[in-house]
Amino acid sequence: MSKDNRFEAFPGAEFLRYDEVLDFRQSLNAETDRGCALMAAAYLDAELEKLLRKYLVDNDSVQNEILRQSGPLGPFSTRIDMAYLLGLIGPKARRDLHLIRKIRNQFGHRATPLDFDEAALASRCSKLYHDVFENTVSPRRKFIRAALGVLGIIHANLHSIEPLKEDADVSLDNAKVNLKKLLNKLELNDDA
């Protein structure tokens, strides 16, 4: 399929960011198992950050504060849960992202050689949902497919969500007048 008509089979799928996703997939394929797990999780974490930034009120200062690495929405696990609580991803995408995060942690916290075929990792990979192909594949292949499936959900939502609008402050002028009237009625005003 040529670059110009690659979306003909999927009308409305321009959000897929085809070239970027293809480069990402090729990079995952070229990595070691450890590199594949770490890179996939890092990329999904960054895309979740983009999703949260697009959805939240457009205030760079506040967003930078809460989304910085040591901020309240800095950790990957917190971003996953916040995206879910805001309705930006569903429960199965949340579950897959947490499995991907746990797989990343297994690779990242062990200095000795490790691959996707190790029992604990293979078990986690077998639980991943977002693999649209029904054929049986290696745990690594299942991991990559699921990572790309969740990425598709994030990209679709990045394309379709509308950001929250900053709420207007309530004018206290009327409240002050009404409070003064109420205090006068109750004769609790210092002037009485």
N, C-alpha and C. Protein backbone atom coordinates (compact mmCIF):
# COMPACT_ATOMS: atom_id res chain seq x y z
N MET A 1 0.86 -1.17 0.00
CA MET A 1 0.00 0.00 0.00
C MET A 1 0.91 1.23 0.00
N SER A 2 0.63 2.17 -0.85
CA SER A 2 1.47 3.37 -0.92
C SER A 2 1.19 4.28 0.27
N LYS A 3 2.13 5.16 0.52
CA LYS A 3 2.03 6.07 1.64
C LYS A 3 0.78 6.95 1.53
N ASP A 4 0.39 7.32 0.31
CA ASP A 4 -0.75 8.22 0.13
C ASP A 4 -2.09 7.54 0.33
N ASN A 5 -2.19 6.24 0.14
CA ASN A 5 -3.49 5.60 0.28
C ASN A 5 -3.50 4.53 1.38
N ARG A 6 -2.59 4.61 2.32
CA ARG A 6 -2.49 3.60 3.37
C ARG A 6 -3.70 3.55 4.29
N PHE A 7 -4.53 4.58 4.30
CA PHE A 7 -5.71 4.59 5.17
C PHE A 7 -6.99 4.18 4.45
N GLU A 8 -6.90 3.82 3.16
CA GLU A 8 -8.10 3.45 2.41
C GLU A 8 -8.84 2.30 3.07
N ALA A 9 -8.10 1.35 3.62
CA ALA A 9 -8.74 0.18 4.26
C ALA A 9 -9.34 0.55 5.61
N PHE A 10 -8.93 1.68 6.18
CA PHE A 10 -9.41 2.10 7.50
C PHE A 10 -9.85 3.56 7.45
N PRO A 11 -11.02 3.83 6.87
CA PRO A 11 -11.48 5.22 6.79
C PRO A 11 -11.55 5.85 8.18
N GLY A 12 -11.06 7.07 8.28
CA GLY A 12 -11.08 7.79 9.55
C GLY A 12 -9.93 7.42 10.47
N ALA A 13 -8.97 6.64 10.00
CA ALA A 13 -7.88 6.17 10.86
C ALA A 13 -6.61 7.00 10.70
N GLU A 14 -6.74 8.23 10.25
CA GLU A 14 -5.57 9.07 10.06
C GLU A 14 -4.82 9.31 11.36
N PHE A 15 -5.51 9.15 12.49
CA PHE A 15 -4.92 9.36 13.80
C PHE A 15 -3.82 8.35 14.13
N LEU A 16 -3.71 7.29 13.35
CA LEU A 16 -2.80 6.20 13.69
C LEU A 16 -1.32 6.60 13.68
N ARG A 17 -0.98 7.74 13.10
CA ARG A 17 0.41 8.19 13.05
C ARG A 17 1.30 7.06 12.53
N TYR A 18 0.91 6.58 11.37
CA TYR A 18 1.46 5.38 10.76
C TYR A 18 2.99 5.34 10.75
N ASP A 19 3.63 6.38 10.25
CA ASP A 19 5.09 6.37 10.13
C ASP A 19 5.76 6.26 11.50
N GLU A 20 5.26 7.01 12.46
CA GLU A 20 5.82 6.98 13.81
C GLU A 20 5.66 5.59 14.44
N VAL A 21 4.48 5.01 14.29
CA VAL A 21 4.22 3.69 14.86
C VAL A 21 5.05 2.62 14.16
N LEU A 22 5.19 2.73 12.86
CA LEU A 22 6.02 1.78 12.12
C LEU A 22 7.48 1.86 12.58
N ASP A 23 7.99 3.07 12.75
CA ASP A 23 9.36 3.24 13.26
C ASP A 23 9.50 2.65 14.66
N PHE A 24 8.49 2.88 15.49
CA PHE A 24 8.50 2.35 16.85
C PHE A 24 8.53 0.82 16.82
N ARG A 25 7.69 0.23 16.00
CA ARG A 25 7.65 -1.23 15.91
C ARG A 25 8.99 -1.79 15.42
N GLN A 26 9.54 -1.17 14.41
CA GLN A 26 10.84 -1.63 13.89
C GLN A 26 11.93 -1.51 14.95
N SER A 27 11.87 -0.45 15.74
CA SER A 27 12.84 -0.28 16.82
C SER A 27 12.69 -1.38 17.86
N LEU A 28 11.45 -1.72 18.21
CA LEU A 28 11.22 -2.80 19.17
C LEU A 28 11.76 -4.13 18.64
N ASN A 29 11.53 -4.39 17.37
CA ASN A 29 12.00 -5.63 16.76
C ASN A 29 13.52 -5.73 16.80
N ALA A 30 14.21 -4.61 16.70
CA ALA A 30 15.67 -4.60 16.65
C ALA A 30 16.32 -4.70 18.03
N GLU A 31 15.53 -4.47 19.08
CA GLU A 31 16.07 -4.45 20.44
C GLU A 31 16.23 -5.86 21.02
N THR A 32 17.05 -5.95 22.07
CA THR A 32 17.09 -7.16 22.89
C THR A 32 15.75 -7.26 23.61
N ASP A 33 15.49 -8.37 24.27
CA ASP A 33 14.24 -8.48 25.03
C ASP A 33 14.15 -7.39 26.09
N ARG A 34 15.25 -7.17 26.80
CA ARG A 34 15.26 -6.13 27.84
C ARG A 34 15.01 -4.76 27.21
N GLY A 35 15.71 -4.45 26.12
CA GLY A 35 15.52 -3.17 25.45
C GLY A 35 14.11 -3.01 24.92
N CYS A 36 13.53 -4.07 24.42
CA CYS A 36 12.16 -4.05 23.90
C CYS A 36 11.17 -3.68 25.00
N ALA A 37 11.30 -4.32 26.17
CA ALA A 37 10.39 -4.06 27.29
C ALA A 37 10.56 -2.63 27.80
N LEU A 38 11.79 -2.21 27.97
CA LEU A 38 12.05 -0.87 28.50
C LEU A 38 11.59 0.21 27.53
N MET A 39 11.88 0.00 26.25
CA MET A 39 11.52 0.99 25.23
C MET A 39 10.00 1.09 25.06
N ALA A 40 9.33 -0.03 25.01
CA ALA A 40 7.87 -0.02 24.84
C ALA A 40 7.20 0.70 26.00
N ALA A 41 7.62 0.38 27.22
CA ALA A 41 7.01 1.03 28.40
C ALA A 41 7.30 2.52 28.40
N ALA A 42 8.53 2.91 28.07
CA ALA A 42 8.88 4.34 28.05
C ALA A 42 8.06 5.10 27.01
N TYR A 43 7.88 4.50 25.84
CA TYR A 43 7.11 5.15 24.78
C TYR A 43 5.64 5.27 25.18
N LEU A 44 5.07 4.21 25.72
CA LEU A 44 3.67 4.25 26.15
C LEU A 44 3.48 5.27 27.28
N ASP A 45 4.43 5.34 28.19
CA ASP A 45 4.38 6.32 29.27
C ASP A 45 4.37 7.73 28.69
N ALA A 46 5.24 8.01 27.72
CA ALA A 46 5.30 9.33 27.10
C ALA A 46 4.00 9.66 26.36
N GLU A 47 3.41 8.66 25.70
CA GLU A 47 2.16 8.89 24.98
C GLU A 47 1.00 9.12 25.96
N LEU A 48 1.02 8.44 27.10
CA LEU A 48 0.01 8.70 28.13
C LEU A 48 0.14 10.12 28.65
N GLU A 49 1.38 10.58 28.82
CA GLU A 49 1.59 11.95 29.27
C GLU A 49 0.99 12.93 28.25
N LYS A 50 1.21 12.68 26.97
CA LYS A 50 0.62 13.54 25.93
C LYS A 50 -0.90 13.53 26.02
N LEU A 51 -1.47 12.35 26.26
CA LEU A 51 -2.92 12.23 26.36
C LEU A 51 -3.45 13.04 27.54
N LEU A 52 -2.79 12.92 28.69
CA LEU A 52 -3.21 13.68 29.87
C LEU A 52 -3.05 15.17 29.63
N ARG A 53 -1.93 15.57 29.04
CA ARG A 53 -1.71 17.00 28.76
C ARG A 53 -2.77 17.56 27.83
N LYS A 54 -3.16 16.79 26.83
CA LYS A 54 -4.16 17.28 25.89
C LYS A 54 -5.53 17.40 26.56
N TYR A 55 -5.84 16.50 27.48
CA TYR A 55 -7.16 16.49 28.10
C TYR A 55 -7.30 17.51 29.22
N LEU A 56 -6.25 17.69 30.00
CA LEU A 56 -6.32 18.58 31.15
C LEU A 56 -6.38 20.04 30.72
N VAL A 57 -6.84 20.89 31.62
CA VAL A 57 -6.89 22.33 31.37
C VAL A 57 -5.52 22.78 30.88
N ASP A 58 -5.52 23.61 29.84
CA ASP A 58 -4.29 24.06 29.20
C ASP A 58 -3.58 25.11 30.07
N ASN A 59 -2.77 24.62 30.99
CA ASN A 59 -1.97 25.48 31.86
C ASN A 59 -0.62 24.80 32.02
N ASP A 60 0.35 25.23 31.20
CA ASP A 60 1.66 24.57 31.18
C ASP A 60 2.32 24.53 32.55
N SER A 61 2.21 25.60 33.29
CA SER A 61 2.88 25.67 34.59
C SER A 61 2.36 24.58 35.53
N VAL A 62 1.05 24.45 35.63
CA VAL A 62 0.46 23.44 36.52
C VAL A 62 0.69 22.04 35.95
N GLN A 63 0.52 21.88 34.64
CA GLN A 63 0.76 20.57 34.03
C GLN A 63 2.20 20.12 34.25
N ASN A 64 3.16 21.03 34.03
CA ASN A 64 4.57 20.67 34.22
C ASN A 64 4.84 20.25 35.66
N GLU A 65 4.21 20.91 36.60
CA GLU A 65 4.41 20.59 38.01
C GLU A 65 3.88 19.20 38.35
N ILE A 66 2.66 18.90 37.93
CA ILE A 66 2.09 17.60 38.34
C ILE A 66 2.56 16.44 37.47
N LEU A 67 3.01 16.71 36.24
CA LEU A 67 3.44 15.63 35.36
C LEU A 67 4.96 15.41 35.35
N ARG A 68 5.70 16.25 36.08
CA ARG A 68 7.15 16.01 36.15
C ARG A 68 7.39 14.65 36.79
N GLN A 69 8.57 14.08 36.57
CA GLN A 69 8.85 12.72 37.01
C GLN A 69 8.58 12.51 38.50
N SER A 70 8.91 13.50 39.33
CA SER A 70 8.68 13.35 40.77
C SER A 70 7.36 13.98 41.21
N GLY A 71 6.54 14.40 40.26
CA GLY A 71 5.25 14.99 40.59
C GLY A 71 4.19 13.93 40.83
N PRO A 72 3.02 14.35 41.26
CA PRO A 72 1.97 13.38 41.58
C PRO A 72 1.53 12.52 40.39
N LEU A 73 1.61 13.04 39.17
CA LEU A 73 1.26 12.25 37.99
C LEU A 73 2.50 11.88 37.17
N GLY A 74 3.65 11.83 37.83
CA GLY A 74 4.89 11.49 37.15
C GLY A 74 5.09 10.00 36.91
N PRO A 75 4.79 9.16 37.89
CA PRO A 75 5.02 7.72 37.69
C PRO A 75 4.08 7.12 36.64
N PHE A 76 4.61 6.18 35.89
CA PHE A 76 3.85 5.48 34.86
C PHE A 76 2.57 4.88 35.45
N SER A 77 2.67 4.23 36.59
CA SER A 77 1.49 3.58 37.19
C SER A 77 0.40 4.60 37.51
N THR A 78 0.79 5.77 37.99
CA THR A 78 -0.19 6.81 38.31
C THR A 78 -0.82 7.37 37.05
N ARG A 79 -0.04 7.54 36.01
CA ARG A 79 -0.58 8.03 34.74
C ARG A 79 -1.59 7.04 34.17
N ILE A 80 -1.28 5.76 34.28
CA ILE A 80 -2.20 4.73 33.80
C ILE A 80 -3.53 4.86 34.53
N ASP A 81 -3.46 4.89 35.85
CA ASP A 81 -4.69 4.95 36.65
C ASP A 81 -5.45 6.25 36.44
N MET A 82 -4.74 7.36 36.30
CA MET A 82 -5.41 8.64 36.08
C MET A 82 -6.10 8.66 34.71
N ALA A 83 -5.44 8.13 33.69
CA ALA A 83 -6.06 8.06 32.36
C ALA A 83 -7.33 7.22 32.42
N TYR A 84 -7.28 6.15 33.18
CA TYR A 84 -8.47 5.30 33.35
C TYR A 84 -9.56 6.05 34.10
N LEU A 85 -9.22 6.70 35.22
CA LEU A 85 -10.22 7.40 36.03
C LEU A 85 -10.85 8.58 35.29
N LEU A 86 -10.12 9.16 34.36
CA LEU A 86 -10.67 10.25 33.55
C LEU A 86 -11.47 9.74 32.35
N GLY A 87 -11.51 8.43 32.19
CA GLY A 87 -12.26 7.86 31.07
C GLY A 87 -11.52 7.92 29.75
N LEU A 88 -10.21 8.09 29.79
CA LEU A 88 -9.42 8.20 28.57
C LEU A 88 -8.99 6.84 28.03
N ILE A 89 -8.95 5.84 28.90
CA ILE A 89 -8.68 4.46 28.49
C ILE A 89 -9.65 3.56 29.25
N GLY A 90 -9.91 2.40 28.70
CA GLY A 90 -10.82 1.45 29.35
C GLY A 90 -10.10 0.53 30.32
N PRO A 91 -10.85 -0.31 31.01
CA PRO A 91 -10.26 -1.19 32.02
C PRO A 91 -9.27 -2.21 31.44
N LYS A 92 -9.51 -2.69 30.23
CA LYS A 92 -8.59 -3.66 29.64
C LYS A 92 -7.29 -2.98 29.19
N ALA A 93 -7.39 -1.78 28.69
CA ALA A 93 -6.17 -1.03 28.34
C ALA A 93 -5.39 -0.71 29.61
N ARG A 94 -6.11 -0.35 30.68
CA ARG A 94 -5.44 -0.11 31.97
C ARG A 94 -4.71 -1.36 32.43
N ARG A 95 -5.37 -2.48 32.36
CA ARG A 95 -4.77 -3.75 32.79
C ARG A 95 -3.54 -4.07 31.96
N ASP A 96 -3.64 -3.93 30.64
CA ASP A 96 -2.50 -4.22 29.78
C ASP A 96 -1.33 -3.27 30.06
N LEU A 97 -1.63 -2.01 30.26
CA LEU A 97 -0.56 -1.05 30.56
C LEU A 97 0.14 -1.41 31.88
N HIS A 98 -0.63 -1.85 32.87
CA HIS A 98 0.00 -2.27 34.13
C HIS A 98 0.82 -3.54 33.93
N LEU A 99 0.35 -4.46 33.10
CA LEU A 99 1.15 -5.65 32.82
C LEU A 99 2.45 -5.27 32.10
N ILE A 100 2.37 -4.37 31.15
CA ILE A 100 3.55 -3.90 30.43
C ILE A 100 4.51 -3.22 31.40
N ARG A 101 3.97 -2.44 32.32
CA ARG A 101 4.80 -1.78 33.35
C ARG A 101 5.49 -2.81 34.24
N LYS A 102 4.76 -3.84 34.64
CA LYS A 102 5.35 -4.88 35.50
C LYS A 102 6.42 -5.67 34.76
N ILE A 103 6.18 -5.93 33.49
CA ILE A 103 7.19 -6.61 32.66
C ILE A 103 8.43 -5.74 32.55
N ARG A 104 8.23 -4.45 32.31
CA ARG A 104 9.37 -3.51 32.27
C ARG A 104 10.14 -3.55 33.58
N ASN A 105 9.42 -3.55 34.69
CA ASN A 105 10.08 -3.57 36.00
C ASN A 105 10.88 -4.85 36.21
N GLN A 106 10.35 -5.98 35.75
CA GLN A 106 11.09 -7.23 35.89
C GLN A 106 12.42 -7.15 35.14
N PHE A 107 12.38 -6.59 33.93
CA PHE A 107 13.61 -6.44 33.16
C PHE A 107 14.52 -5.38 33.78
N GLY A 108 13.94 -4.29 34.22
CA GLY A 108 14.73 -3.15 34.71
C GLY A 108 15.37 -3.37 36.06
N HIS A 109 14.82 -4.26 36.86
CA HIS A 109 15.32 -4.44 38.23
C HIS A 109 16.18 -5.70 38.39
N ARG A 110 16.54 -6.31 37.30
CA ARG A 110 17.36 -7.52 37.37
C ARG A 110 18.58 -7.35 36.46
N ALA A 111 19.75 -7.51 37.05
CA ALA A 111 20.99 -7.30 36.30
C ALA A 111 21.41 -8.53 35.50
N THR A 112 20.91 -9.68 35.87
CA THR A 112 21.30 -10.91 35.18
C THR A 112 20.50 -11.07 33.89
N PRO A 113 20.99 -11.90 32.98
CA PRO A 113 20.28 -12.09 31.71
C PRO A 113 18.83 -12.54 31.93
N LEU A 114 17.97 -12.05 31.07
CA LEU A 114 16.54 -12.32 31.20
C LEU A 114 15.92 -12.19 29.82
N ASP A 115 14.94 -13.05 29.52
CA ASP A 115 14.23 -12.91 28.25
C ASP A 115 12.75 -13.20 28.46
N PHE A 116 11.97 -12.90 27.43
CA PHE A 116 10.52 -13.04 27.51
C PHE A 116 10.06 -14.48 27.73
N ASP A 117 10.91 -15.45 27.46
CA ASP A 117 10.52 -16.84 27.62
C ASP A 117 10.60 -17.33 29.06
N GLU A 118 11.18 -16.52 29.97
CA GLU A 118 11.19 -16.91 31.38
C GLU A 118 9.74 -17.05 31.85
N ALA A 119 9.47 -18.04 32.67
CA ALA A 119 8.10 -18.41 33.05
C ALA A 119 7.26 -17.23 33.54
N ALA A 120 7.80 -16.43 34.46
CA ALA A 120 7.02 -15.32 35.02
C ALA A 120 6.67 -14.28 33.96
N LEU A 121 7.62 -13.99 33.09
CA LEU A 121 7.38 -13.02 32.02
C LEU A 121 6.43 -13.59 30.97
N ALA A 122 6.65 -14.83 30.59
CA ALA A 122 5.77 -15.46 29.60
C ALA A 122 4.34 -15.51 30.11
N SER A 123 4.18 -15.76 31.40
CA SER A 123 2.84 -15.79 32.01
C SER A 123 2.17 -14.42 31.91
N ARG A 124 2.91 -13.38 32.24
CA ARG A 124 2.34 -12.02 32.13
C ARG A 124 1.99 -11.69 30.68
N CYS A 125 2.87 -12.04 29.78
CA CYS A 125 2.61 -11.76 28.35
C CYS A 125 1.36 -12.49 27.88
N SER A 126 1.14 -13.70 28.37
CA SER A 126 -0.03 -14.47 27.93
C SER A 126 -1.34 -13.83 28.39
N LYS A 127 -1.29 -12.97 29.39
CA LYS A 127 -2.48 -12.30 29.91
C LYS A 127 -2.80 -11.00 29.18
N LEU A 128 -1.92 -10.56 28.31
CA LEU A 128 -2.14 -9.31 27.58
C LEU A 128 -3.34 -9.47 26.63
N TYR A 129 -4.19 -8.50 26.62
CA TYR A 129 -5.46 -8.55 25.88
C TYR A 129 -5.37 -7.97 24.47
N HIS A 130 -4.68 -6.87 24.31
CA HIS A 130 -4.74 -6.09 23.06
C HIS A 130 -3.85 -6.63 21.95
N ASP A 131 -4.08 -7.88 21.60
CA ASP A 131 -3.44 -8.53 20.47
C ASP A 131 -4.58 -8.99 19.57
N VAL A 132 -4.78 -8.31 18.46
CA VAL A 132 -5.94 -8.59 17.61
C VAL A 132 -5.80 -9.87 16.80
N PHE A 133 -4.59 -10.42 16.73
CA PHE A 133 -4.39 -11.66 15.99
C PHE A 133 -4.66 -12.85 16.90
N GLU A 134 -5.26 -13.86 16.36
CA GLU A 134 -5.65 -15.01 17.18
C GLU A 134 -4.63 -16.14 17.15
N ASN A 135 -3.59 -16.01 16.37
CA ASN A 135 -2.61 -17.09 16.31
C ASN A 135 -1.68 -17.05 17.53
N THR A 136 -1.14 -18.20 17.88
CA THR A 136 -0.23 -18.30 19.01
C THR A 136 1.15 -17.83 18.56
N VAL A 137 1.73 -16.96 19.35
CA VAL A 137 3.05 -16.41 19.04
C VAL A 137 3.92 -16.45 20.29
N SER A 138 5.17 -16.12 20.14
CA SER A 138 6.09 -16.09 21.28
C SER A 138 5.65 -15.00 22.26
N PRO A 139 6.05 -15.11 23.53
CA PRO A 139 5.71 -14.07 24.50
C PRO A 139 6.19 -12.68 24.07
N ARG A 140 7.36 -12.61 23.47
CA ARG A 140 7.87 -11.31 23.00
C ARG A 140 6.96 -10.73 21.94
N ARG A 141 6.55 -11.54 20.97
CA ARG A 141 5.68 -11.07 19.90
C ARG A 141 4.33 -10.63 20.46
N LYS A 142 3.80 -11.39 21.41
CA LYS A 142 2.54 -11.03 22.07
C LYS A 142 2.69 -9.69 22.78
N PHE A 143 3.81 -9.49 23.46
CA PHE A 143 4.09 -8.23 24.15
C PHE A 143 4.08 -7.07 23.16
N ILE A 144 4.79 -7.23 22.06
CA ILE A 144 4.86 -6.15 21.06
C ILE A 144 3.48 -5.86 20.47
N ARG A 145 2.75 -6.90 20.14
CA ARG A 145 1.40 -6.70 19.58
C ARG A 145 0.49 -5.97 20.56
N ALA A 146 0.54 -6.37 21.82
CA ALA A 146 -0.30 -5.73 22.82
C ALA A 146 0.12 -4.27 23.03
N ALA A 147 1.42 -4.02 23.06
CA ALA A 147 1.90 -2.64 23.21
C ALA A 147 1.39 -1.77 22.05
N LEU A 148 1.43 -2.31 20.84
CA LEU A 148 0.93 -1.57 19.68
C LEU A 148 -0.59 -1.40 19.74
N GLY A 149 -1.29 -2.41 20.25
CA GLY A 149 -2.75 -2.31 20.39
C GLY A 149 -3.16 -1.21 21.36
N VAL A 150 -2.49 -1.16 22.50
CA VAL A 150 -2.78 -0.11 23.49
C VAL A 150 -2.37 1.26 22.93
N LEU A 151 -1.26 1.29 22.23
CA LEU A 151 -0.83 2.54 21.61
C LEU A 151 -1.89 3.06 20.64
N GLY A 152 -2.53 2.17 19.90
CA GLY A 152 -3.60 2.57 18.99
C GLY A 152 -4.75 3.23 19.74
N ILE A 153 -5.09 2.70 20.90
CA ILE A 153 -6.16 3.29 21.72
C ILE A 153 -5.75 4.69 22.19
N ILE A 154 -4.53 4.81 22.66
CA ILE A 154 -4.05 6.12 23.13
C ILE A 154 -4.05 7.11 21.98
N HIS A 155 -3.57 6.71 20.81
CA HIS A 155 -3.53 7.61 19.66
C HIS A 155 -4.94 7.99 19.21
N ALA A 156 -5.86 7.04 19.23
CA ALA A 156 -7.24 7.36 18.85
C ALA A 156 -7.82 8.40 19.79
N ASN A 157 -7.56 8.24 21.08
CA ASN A 157 -8.08 9.20 22.05
C ASN A 157 -7.37 10.54 21.96
N LEU A 158 -6.09 10.53 21.66
CA LEU A 158 -5.38 11.79 21.43
C LEU A 158 -6.02 12.56 20.28
N HIS A 159 -6.48 11.83 19.30
CA HIS A 159 -7.10 12.44 18.12
C HIS A 159 -8.50 12.97 18.41
N SER A 160 -9.23 12.30 19.30
CA SER A 160 -10.66 12.60 19.43
C SER A 160 -11.07 13.38 20.68
N ILE A 161 -10.24 13.42 21.71
CA ILE A 161 -10.70 14.07 22.95
C ILE A 161 -10.69 15.59 22.85
N GLU A 162 -11.55 16.17 23.60
CA GLU A 162 -11.59 17.62 23.74
C GLU A 162 -11.02 17.98 25.10
N PRO A 163 -10.16 18.98 25.17
CA PRO A 163 -9.57 19.35 26.47
C PRO A 163 -10.62 19.94 27.41
N LEU A 164 -10.35 19.76 28.68
CA LEU A 164 -11.19 20.39 29.69
C LEU A 164 -10.98 21.89 29.63
N LYS A 165 -12.02 22.63 29.92
CA LYS A 165 -11.94 24.09 29.93
C LYS A 165 -11.71 24.57 31.36
N GLU A 166 -10.91 25.60 31.47
CA GLU A 166 -10.66 26.18 32.79
C GLU A 166 -11.97 26.75 33.32
N ASP A 167 -12.29 26.44 34.54
CA ASP A 167 -13.52 26.93 35.16
C ASP A 167 -13.35 28.41 35.51
N ALA A 168 -14.41 29.17 35.38
CA ALA A 168 -14.38 30.59 35.71
C ALA A 168 -14.50 30.74 37.23
N ASP A 169 -13.79 31.69 37.77
CA ASP A 169 -13.91 31.98 39.19
C ASP A 169 -15.28 32.57 39.47
N VAL A 170 -15.78 32.29 40.64
CA VAL A 170 -17.05 32.84 41.07
C VAL A 170 -16.81 34.26 41.56
N SER A 171 -17.66 35.16 41.14
CA SER A 171 -17.55 36.54 41.60
C SER A 171 -18.02 36.61 43.06
N LEU A 172 -17.18 37.16 43.90
CA LEU A 172 -17.53 37.27 45.32
C LEU A 172 -18.29 38.56 45.63
N ASP A 173 -18.41 39.45 44.66
CA ASP A 173 -19.10 40.72 44.91
C ASP A 173 -20.53 40.49 45.38
N ASN A 174 -21.28 39.68 44.65
CA ASN A 174 -22.67 39.39 45.04
C ASN A 174 -22.71 38.63 46.36
N ALA A 175 -21.77 37.73 46.55
CA ALA A 175 -21.74 36.95 47.78
C ALA A 175 -21.50 37.86 48.98
N LYS A 176 -20.64 38.84 48.85
CA LYS A 176 -20.36 39.77 49.95
C LYS A 176 -21.61 40.58 50.30
N VAL A 177 -22.29 41.07 49.28
CA VAL A 177 -23.53 41.85 49.50
C VAL A 177 -24.56 40.98 50.20
N ASN A 178 -24.77 39.76 49.69
CA ASN A 178 -25.77 38.86 50.29
C ASN A 178 -25.38 38.45 51.70
N LEU A 179 -24.11 38.23 51.95
CA LEU A 179 -23.66 37.87 53.29
C LEU A 179 -23.90 39.01 54.26
N LYS A 180 -23.62 40.23 53.82
CA LYS A 180 -23.84 41.41 54.67
C LYS A 180 -25.33 41.55 55.02
N LYS A 181 -26.20 41.32 54.02
CA LYS A 181 -27.64 41.38 54.27
C LYS A 181 -28.05 40.31 55.29
N LEU A 182 -27.52 39.12 55.12
CA LEU A 182 -27.85 38.03 56.02
C LEU A 182 -27.37 38.33 57.44
N LEU A 183 -26.15 38.84 57.58
CA LEU A 183 -25.63 39.16 58.91
C LEU A 183 -26.43 40.28 59.56
N ASN A 184 -26.86 41.25 58.75
CA ASN A 184 -27.70 42.32 59.29
C ASN A 184 -29.02 41.76 59.80
N LYS A 185 -29.59 40.83 59.04
CA LYS A 185 -30.85 40.21 59.47
C LYS A 185 -30.66 39.43 60.76
N LEU A 186 -29.54 38.79 60.88
CA LEU A 186 -29.29 37.97 62.08
C LEU A 186 -28.72 38.81 63.21
N GLU A 187 -28.51 40.07 62.93
CA GLU A 187 -27.95 41.02 63.90
C GLU A 187 -26.63 40.51 64.47
N LEU A 188 -25.86 39.91 63.61
CA LEU A 188 -24.53 39.44 64.01
C LEU A 188 -23.44 40.33 63.47
N ASN A 189 -23.85 41.35 62.77
CA ASN A 189 -22.90 42.26 62.17
C ASN A 189 -22.25 43.10 63.28
N ASP A 190 -20.96 43.33 63.20
CA ASP A 190 -20.25 44.14 64.19
C ASP A 190 -20.78 45.56 64.26
N ASP A 191 -21.37 46.08 63.18
CA ASP A 191 -21.87 47.44 63.14
C ASP A 191 -23.18 47.59 63.89
N ALA A 192 -23.85 46.51 64.21
CA ALA A 192 -25.17 46.61 64.83
C ALA A 192 -25.10 46.94 66.29
